[in-house]
């Protein structure tokens, strides 16, 4: 019997990551914390606190510490502890490794598709350190076939090294049944969107479409845009969103609750009438599966990875045409039979995704890396 494969996973990003990246690392940790057959799993973390404030000098210092962690401390730990494969889930690997393989997660190609929306220093670091290290990696993990194709096109990484492994909904949302202390829009009919108020989420067109829905004879509906503002000013769309709500006189109908807890998240889904996901670009689209999980009819944009995730369990629309978005929303809210069909298909589609399956496919990649290495040494 071959010795167990020693996989070291960098979990420092749990101190920093938000939204999908945090979910991914948390769920992989939960799947592997009790071990995995044929593997020895080690979670590697810094012993120093990570700065998350807004002071530019302290942020610069934190960037320097991040660089030192990735390029010096982490590879040294792997060398001294006999690592076989180092796995990092945040785009960055050590440039220099010592007798161990590396694998990294590239969630999408947004840094290259929308460079004007990101910090120039961070982009330079990614181009000069992140990409060269990824080119030397044994494997690159991404989260959809769409993302894989975008990474090949925009970043120039080898297709044969890129493995598209789908995600799954948060495991925590499936087990939360407690009632929040205050009802969440109890008794109201509303269309739901979960996500930060970011430009690529296309919320301006969703609001315009919602206004047409109300004009078409559905004044009882509300629109709930649940999610916080994003720290990057170039990405943040919150001011434009509030301005459009005011211009369309929708202040009483569009609800902006801000960031919501996991406890509240399940109840937002459970009480909604429709989930609308009309984003311009996504790497995966976890809210689609979360909507399926809570038996919620779902409308998505006919672009990027969203149809790949939604399959035949969703209604699609043109995200650039708010009139089409409105038409598709009306077709769902006005048709109970269609709603039930979407719910049934969503439940069936959801069965194809699980974190157990995601982890199994990931570990198969790691096994193949070691087997190919053993074959090349014969």
Protein backbone atom coordinates (compact mmCIF):
# COMPACT_ATOMS: atom_id res chain seq x y z
CA UNK A 1 0.00 0.00 0.00
CA UNK A 2 1.46 3.41 -0.97
CA UNK A 3 2.04 5.93 1.82
CA UNK A 4 -0.66 8.57 2.32
CA UNK A 5 -0.36 11.71 0.20
CA UNK A 6 0.47 14.70 2.37
CA UNK A 7 -1.66 17.66 1.29
CA UNK A 8 -1.07 21.02 2.98
CA UNK A 9 -3.89 23.57 2.61
CA UNK A 10 -3.23 27.26 3.17
CA UNK A 11 -6.18 28.56 5.25
CA UNK A 12 -4.83 32.04 5.97
CA UNK A 13 -7.42 33.35 3.50
CA UNK A 14 -10.22 32.46 5.94
CA UNK A 15 -9.18 35.61 7.81
CA UNK A 16 -9.70 37.78 4.71
CA UNK A 17 -11.98 36.15 2.14
CA UNK A 18 -15.62 37.06 1.71
CA UNK A 19 -18.60 35.64 -0.20
CA UNK A 20 -17.81 32.73 -2.58
CA UNK A 21 -14.09 32.43 -1.87
CA UNK A 22 -14.76 32.17 1.85
CA UNK A 23 -17.53 29.62 1.29
CA UNK A 24 -15.22 27.47 -0.83
CA UNK A 25 -12.41 27.33 1.73
CA UNK A 26 -14.79 26.83 4.67
CA UNK A 27 -16.55 23.93 2.98
CA UNK A 28 -13.32 22.24 1.88
CA UNK A 29 -12.09 22.59 5.46
CA UNK A 30 -15.28 21.01 6.82
CA UNK A 31 -15.00 18.10 4.38
CA UNK A 32 -11.35 17.39 5.18
CA UNK A 33 -10.92 18.36 8.83
CA UNK A 34 -11.47 14.75 9.94
CA UNK A 35 -9.14 13.36 7.29
CA UNK A 36 -9.63 11.64 3.94
CA UNK A 37 -8.75 8.04 2.96
CA UNK A 38 -5.30 7.81 1.41
CA UNK A 39 -4.31 11.33 2.47
CA UNK A 40 -2.74 13.16 5.37
CA UNK A 41 -4.31 16.62 5.50
CA UNK A 42 -2.59 19.57 7.18
CA UNK A 43 -4.16 23.03 7.47
CA UNK A 44 -1.55 25.77 7.54
CA UNK A 45 -2.27 29.21 9.00
CA UNK A 46 -0.32 32.25 10.08
CA UNK A 47 0.10 32.87 13.80
CA UNK A 48 -0.18 36.65 13.31
CA UNK A 49 -3.42 38.67 13.12
CA UNK A 50 -4.39 39.92 9.67
CA UNK A 51 -5.19 43.62 9.19
CA UNK A 52 -8.57 44.29 7.51
CA UNK A 53 -8.97 48.02 8.12
CA UNK A 54 -8.83 50.96 5.71
CA UNK A 55 -5.59 52.70 6.71
CA UNK A 56 -3.53 52.75 3.51
CA UNK A 57 -0.17 52.36 5.27
CA UNK A 58 -1.34 49.42 7.34
CA UNK A 59 -2.92 47.91 4.24
CA UNK A 60 0.41 48.25 2.43
CA UNK A 61 2.14 46.56 5.36
CA UNK A 62 -0.43 43.75 5.26
CA UNK A 63 0.25 43.25 1.54
CA UNK A 64 3.96 42.93 2.32
CA UNK A 65 3.22 40.39 5.05
CA UNK A 66 1.01 38.44 2.64
CA UNK A 67 3.88 38.33 0.14
CA UNK A 68 6.29 37.09 2.81
CA UNK A 69 3.82 34.44 3.92
CA UNK A 70 3.32 33.06 0.42
CA UNK A 71 6.86 33.30 -0.87
CA UNK A 72 8.97 32.48 2.20
CA UNK A 73 7.14 31.20 5.28
CA UNK A 74 4.64 28.86 3.61
CA UNK A 75 7.15 27.03 1.36
CA UNK A 76 9.54 26.68 4.31
CA UNK A 77 6.79 25.08 6.39
CA UNK A 78 6.02 22.69 3.54
CA UNK A 79 9.70 21.77 3.15
CA UNK A 80 10.28 21.13 6.84
CA UNK A 81 7.10 19.09 7.32
CA UNK A 82 7.42 16.88 4.24
CA UNK A 83 4.55 18.23 2.14
CA UNK A 84 3.65 16.42 -1.11
CA UNK A 85 1.12 18.93 -2.46
CA UNK A 86 0.50 22.51 -1.35
CA UNK A 87 -3.02 23.75 -2.10
CA UNK A 88 -3.86 27.47 -2.09
CA UNK A 89 -7.35 28.79 -2.77
CA UNK A 90 -6.59 32.49 -3.38
CA UNK A 91 -4.81 32.77 -6.77
CA UNK A 92 -1.33 32.87 -5.17
CA UNK A 93 1.35 30.19 -4.79
CA UNK A 94 5.05 30.31 -3.89
CA UNK A 95 7.21 30.98 -6.94
CA UNK A 96 9.93 28.68 -5.61
CA UNK A 97 9.06 25.26 -4.23
CA UNK A 98 11.17 22.54 -2.61
CA UNK A 99 10.35 18.96 -3.61
CA UNK A 100 6.58 19.45 -3.37
CA UNK A 101 3.87 20.02 -5.96
CA UNK A 102 1.48 22.95 -5.98
CA UNK A 103 -2.16 23.47 -6.90
CA UNK A 104 -4.09 26.74 -6.87
CA UNK A 105 -7.66 27.98 -7.30
CA UNK A 106 -8.45 30.57 -9.97
CA UNK A 107 -12.16 31.25 -9.50
CA UNK A 108 -12.56 33.35 -12.63
CA UNK A 109 -10.75 35.73 -14.98
CA UNK A 110 -12.29 38.96 -13.67
CA UNK A 111 -8.89 40.52 -12.85
CA UNK A 112 -7.99 40.34 -16.53
CA UNK A 113 -11.45 41.12 -17.92
CA UNK A 114 -12.03 44.22 -15.77
CA UNK A 115 -8.55 45.50 -14.80
CA UNK A 116 -9.83 49.06 -14.35
CA UNK A 117 -11.95 47.88 -11.42
CA UNK A 118 -9.05 46.57 -9.31
CA UNK A 119 -6.14 47.98 -7.36
CA UNK A 120 -3.16 48.50 -9.67
CA UNK A 121 -0.64 47.25 -7.12
CA UNK A 122 -2.64 44.05 -6.62
CA UNK A 123 -2.88 43.51 -10.37
CA UNK A 124 0.88 43.92 -10.72
CA UNK A 125 1.47 41.42 -7.94
CA UNK A 126 -0.90 38.97 -9.60
CA UNK A 127 0.74 39.36 -13.01
CA UNK A 128 4.34 39.20 -11.80
CA UNK A 129 3.96 36.63 -9.02
CA UNK A 130 0.56 34.93 -9.16
CA UNK A 131 0.51 34.03 -12.85
CA UNK A 132 4.16 32.82 -13.09
CA UNK A 133 3.61 30.64 -10.01
CA UNK A 134 0.39 29.26 -11.53
CA UNK A 135 2.24 28.40 -14.74
CA UNK A 136 4.68 26.34 -12.68
CA UNK A 137 1.87 24.67 -10.70
CA UNK A 138 0.95 21.04 -11.20
CA UNK A 139 -2.77 21.82 -11.25
CA UNK A 140 -5.11 24.79 -11.44
CA UNK A 141 -8.60 24.37 -10.06
CA UNK A 142 -11.51 26.48 -11.24
CA UNK A 143 -15.23 26.29 -10.57
CA UNK A 144 -16.98 26.02 -13.95
CA UNK A 145 -16.26 25.18 -17.56
CA UNK A 146 -17.01 28.80 -18.39
CA UNK A 147 -14.33 30.00 -15.97
CA UNK A 148 -11.89 27.45 -17.38
CA UNK A 149 -12.40 28.78 -20.90
CA UNK A 150 -12.06 32.39 -19.74
CA UNK A 151 -8.83 31.63 -17.85
CA UNK A 152 -7.34 29.90 -20.89
CA UNK A 153 -8.27 32.86 -23.10
CA UNK A 154 -7.36 35.73 -20.76
CA UNK A 155 -4.47 34.36 -18.71
CA UNK A 156 -2.85 31.93 -21.13
CA UNK A 157 -2.61 28.99 -18.74
CA UNK A 158 -2.36 25.44 -20.09
CA UNK A 159 -5.75 23.84 -20.66
CA UNK A 160 -4.53 20.37 -19.62
CA UNK A 161 -3.60 21.65 -16.15
CA UNK A 162 -6.97 23.32 -15.48
CA UNK A 163 -9.69 21.27 -13.79
CA UNK A 164 -13.25 22.60 -13.56
CA UNK A 165 -14.86 21.33 -10.35
CA UNK A 166 -18.33 22.60 -9.49
CA UNK A 167 -19.27 24.00 -6.11
CA UNK A 168 -22.34 23.35 -3.94
CA UNK A 169 -24.55 25.48 -1.68
CA UNK A 170 -23.42 26.34 1.83
CA UNK A 171 -23.92 23.35 4.06
CA UNK A 172 -24.90 25.66 6.94
CA UNK A 173 -27.95 27.00 5.08
CA UNK A 174 -29.41 23.51 4.89
CA UNK A 175 -29.45 23.02 8.66
CA UNK A 176 -30.59 26.41 9.94
CA UNK A 177 -34.16 26.31 11.19
CA UNK A 178 -34.17 28.92 13.97
CA UNK A 179 -36.56 31.86 13.62
CA UNK A 180 -34.90 35.31 13.75
CA UNK A 181 -36.04 37.54 16.60
CA UNK A 182 -37.71 39.91 14.11
CA UNK A 183 -39.79 38.69 11.13
CA UNK A 184 -38.14 39.24 7.74
CA UNK A 185 -40.69 41.06 5.56
CA UNK A 186 -43.35 38.71 6.89
CA UNK A 187 -46.30 38.29 4.54
CA UNK A 188 -44.82 40.38 1.73
CA UNK A 189 -44.36 39.11 -1.80
CA UNK A 190 -40.86 39.87 -2.95
CA UNK A 191 -38.26 39.15 -5.59
CA UNK A 192 -34.88 38.38 -4.05
CA UNK A 193 -31.25 38.98 -4.97
CA UNK A 194 -28.37 38.02 -2.67
CA UNK A 195 -24.95 39.54 -3.33
CA UNK A 196 -22.77 42.58 -2.84
CA UNK A 197 -23.90 45.78 -4.57
CA UNK A 198 -21.29 45.40 -7.29
CA UNK A 199 -21.45 46.74 -10.85
CA UNK A 200 -21.22 43.36 -12.58
CA UNK A 201 -24.29 42.20 -10.63
CA UNK A 202 -26.34 44.34 -13.04
CA UNK A 203 -28.71 45.52 -10.32
CA UNK A 204 -29.59 48.73 -12.16
CA UNK A 205 -31.26 46.73 -14.91
CA UNK A 206 -32.94 44.52 -12.33
CA UNK A 207 -34.42 47.62 -10.66
CA UNK A 208 -35.61 48.99 -14.02
CA UNK A 209 -37.23 45.63 -14.78
CA UNK A 210 -38.88 45.60 -11.37
CA UNK A 211 -40.39 49.02 -12.06
CA UNK A 212 -41.96 47.61 -15.25
CA UNK A 213 -43.28 44.62 -13.27
CA UNK A 214 -45.13 46.94 -10.91
CA UNK A 215 -46.47 49.01 -13.78
CA UNK A 216 -47.74 45.82 -15.46
CA UNK A 217 -50.18 45.19 -12.63
CA UNK A 218 -48.14 43.70 -9.79
CA UNK A 219 -47.94 46.58 -7.28
CA UNK A 220 -47.91 44.20 -4.31
CA UNK A 221 -44.36 42.99 -5.04
CA UNK A 222 -41.18 44.21 -3.38
CA UNK A 223 -37.57 43.83 -4.51
CA UNK A 224 -35.06 42.81 -1.84
CA UNK A 225 -31.39 43.43 -2.69
CA UNK A 226 -29.65 41.77 0.25
CA UNK A 227 -25.92 42.34 0.48
CA UNK A 228 -23.34 44.83 1.65
CA UNK A 229 -21.39 47.40 -0.28
CA UNK A 230 -18.00 46.41 -1.66
CA UNK A 231 -14.86 48.11 -0.35
CA UNK A 232 -13.33 48.64 -3.81
CA UNK A 233 -14.70 51.97 -5.06
CA UNK A 234 -14.31 50.99 -8.70
CA UNK A 235 -16.55 48.00 -8.18
CA UNK A 236 -19.15 49.53 -5.86
CA UNK A 237 -22.52 50.37 -7.44
CA UNK A 238 -24.43 51.27 -4.27
CA UNK A 239 -24.68 55.01 -4.94
CA UNK A 240 -26.02 54.45 -8.45
CA UNK A 241 -28.49 51.91 -7.09
CA UNK A 242 -29.87 54.32 -4.50
CA UNK A 243 -30.04 57.13 -7.04
CA UNK A 244 -32.02 55.00 -9.52
CA UNK A 245 -34.43 53.85 -6.80
CA UNK A 246 -35.10 57.50 -6.03
CA UNK A 247 -35.51 58.46 -9.70
CA UNK A 248 -38.06 55.68 -10.25
CA UNK A 249 -39.89 56.50 -6.98
CA UNK A 250 -39.33 53.00 -5.65
CA UNK A 251 -38.12 53.95 -2.17
CA UNK A 252 -41.06 52.13 -0.56
CA UNK A 253 -40.70 49.03 -2.75
CA UNK A 254 -36.97 48.28 -2.98
CA UNK A 255 -35.48 47.03 0.29
CA UNK A 256 -31.73 47.22 0.96
CA UNK A 257 -31.14 45.31 4.21
CA UNK A 258 -27.35 45.30 3.80
CA UNK A 259 -25.20 42.34 4.80
CA UNK A 260 -27.27 39.54 6.33
CA UNK A 261 -26.24 36.71 8.63
CA UNK A 262 -26.39 33.03 7.72
CA UNK A 263 -29.28 32.65 10.17
CA UNK A 264 -31.30 35.27 8.30
CA UNK A 265 -30.19 34.12 4.84
CA UNK A 266 -32.30 30.95 4.87
CA UNK A 267 -35.40 32.91 5.83
CA UNK A 268 -34.92 35.43 3.04
CA UNK A 269 -34.88 32.55 0.58
CA UNK A 270 -37.80 30.75 2.21
CA UNK A 271 -40.12 33.75 2.14
CA UNK A 272 -39.28 35.02 -1.36
CA UNK A 273 -41.50 34.50 -4.41
CA UNK A 274 -38.74 34.53 -7.03
CA UNK A 275 -34.95 34.63 -7.14
CA UNK A 276 -33.51 36.92 -9.83
CA UNK A 277 -29.84 36.58 -10.83
CA UNK A 278 -29.15 38.81 -13.85
CA UNK A 279 -25.41 39.31 -13.38
CA UNK A 280 -23.22 40.29 -16.34
CA UNK A 281 -20.51 37.81 -15.38
CA UNK A 282 -20.04 35.13 -12.72
CA UNK A 283 -17.50 32.45 -11.97
CA UNK A 284 -20.12 30.00 -10.69
CA UNK A 285 -23.29 31.45 -9.14
CA UNK A 286 -23.87 29.77 -5.78
CA UNK A 287 -27.17 31.61 -5.15
CA UNK A 288 -28.77 29.56 -7.94
CA UNK A 289 -28.20 26.37 -5.95
CA UNK A 290 -29.24 28.07 -2.71
CA UNK A 291 -32.49 29.10 -4.40
CA UNK A 292 -33.03 25.49 -5.50
CA UNK A 293 -32.29 24.38 -1.97
CA UNK A 294 -35.13 26.55 -0.68
CA UNK A 295 -37.53 25.58 -3.49
CA UNK A 296 -37.55 29.03 -5.05
CA UNK A 297 -38.31 29.64 -8.76
CA UNK A 298 -35.25 31.18 -10.35
CA UNK A 299 -34.57 33.63 -13.19
CA UNK A 300 -31.00 33.93 -14.47
CA UNK A 301 -29.02 35.77 -17.13
CA UNK A 302 -28.33 33.82 -20.29
CA UNK A 303 -24.58 34.31 -20.04
CA UNK A 304 -21.30 33.26 -18.41
CA UNK A 305 -21.54 30.16 -16.19
CA UNK A 306 -25.12 30.66 -15.04
CA UNK A 307 -26.85 28.36 -17.58
CA UNK A 308 -24.15 25.76 -16.85
CA UNK A 309 -25.24 25.73 -13.21
CA UNK A 310 -28.98 26.25 -13.66
CA UNK A 311 -29.50 23.72 -16.46
CA UNK A 312 -33.16 23.28 -17.39
CA UNK A 313 -34.37 24.30 -13.91
CA UNK A 314 -34.36 28.05 -14.57
CA UNK A 315 -35.84 30.70 -16.85
CA UNK A 316 -33.21 32.73 -18.70
CA UNK A 317 -33.20 36.35 -19.85
CA UNK A 318 -31.04 38.89 -21.67
CA UNK A 319 -29.27 40.78 -18.85
CA UNK A 320 -28.65 43.80 -21.08
CA UNK A 321 -32.36 44.24 -21.87
CA UNK A 322 -34.33 45.23 -18.77
CA UNK A 323 -37.59 44.84 -20.70
CA UNK A 324 -36.77 41.18 -21.31
CA UNK A 325 -35.91 40.75 -17.63
CA UNK A 326 -39.29 42.26 -16.72
CA UNK A 327 -41.13 40.05 -19.23
CA UNK A 328 -39.54 36.90 -17.80
CA UNK A 329 -40.27 37.94 -14.21
CA UNK A 330 -43.91 38.53 -15.10
CA UNK A 331 -44.11 35.14 -16.83
CA UNK A 332 -43.02 33.45 -13.59
CA UNK A 333 -44.99 35.39 -10.97
CA UNK A 334 -48.18 35.16 -13.05
CA UNK A 335 -47.98 31.39 -13.59
CA UNK A 336 -48.27 29.09 -10.53
CA UNK A 337 -47.90 26.02 -12.76
CA UNK A 338 -44.57 27.30 -14.12
CA UNK A 339 -43.43 28.09 -10.59
CA UNK A 340 -44.12 24.52 -9.47
CA UNK A 341 -42.35 23.10 -12.51
CA UNK A 342 -39.26 25.21 -11.79
CA UNK A 343 -39.27 24.14 -8.14
CA UNK A 344 -39.43 20.46 -9.08
CA UNK A 345 -36.69 20.80 -11.68
CA UNK A 346 -34.57 22.82 -9.24
CA UNK A 347 -34.78 20.08 -6.61
CA UNK A 348 -33.72 17.49 -9.19
CA UNK A 349 -30.88 19.69 -10.47
CA UNK A 350 -29.61 20.37 -6.94
CA UNK A 351 -28.97 16.64 -6.41
CA UNK A 352 -26.09 16.89 -8.91
CA UNK A 353 -24.10 19.21 -6.60
CA UNK A 354 -22.58 18.50 -3.19
CA UNK A 355 -19.44 19.41 -1.29
CA UNK A 356 -18.74 15.72 -0.87
CA UNK A 357 -18.65 15.39 -4.67
CA UNK A 358 -16.55 18.54 -5.01
CA UNK A 359 -14.02 17.25 -2.49
CA UNK A 360 -13.91 13.80 -4.10
CA UNK A 361 -13.10 15.30 -7.50
CA UNK A 362 -10.44 17.52 -5.94
CA UNK A 363 -8.76 14.58 -4.21
CA UNK A 364 -8.86 12.63 -7.48
CA UNK A 365 -6.85 15.44 -9.09
CA UNK A 366 -4.28 15.23 -6.29
CA UNK A 367 -4.07 11.46 -6.65
CA UNK A 368 -3.48 11.78 -10.39
CA UNK A 369 -0.68 14.29 -9.75
CA UNK A 370 1.18 11.84 -7.54
CA UNK A 371 0.53 8.89 -9.84
CA UNK A 372 1.84 10.76 -12.88
CA UNK A 373 4.93 11.72 -10.90
CA UNK A 374 5.51 8.11 -9.86
CA UNK A 375 5.09 6.93 -13.46
CA UNK A 376 7.60 9.47 -14.76
CA UNK A 377 10.21 8.25 -12.24
CA UNK A 378 10.01 4.61 -13.42
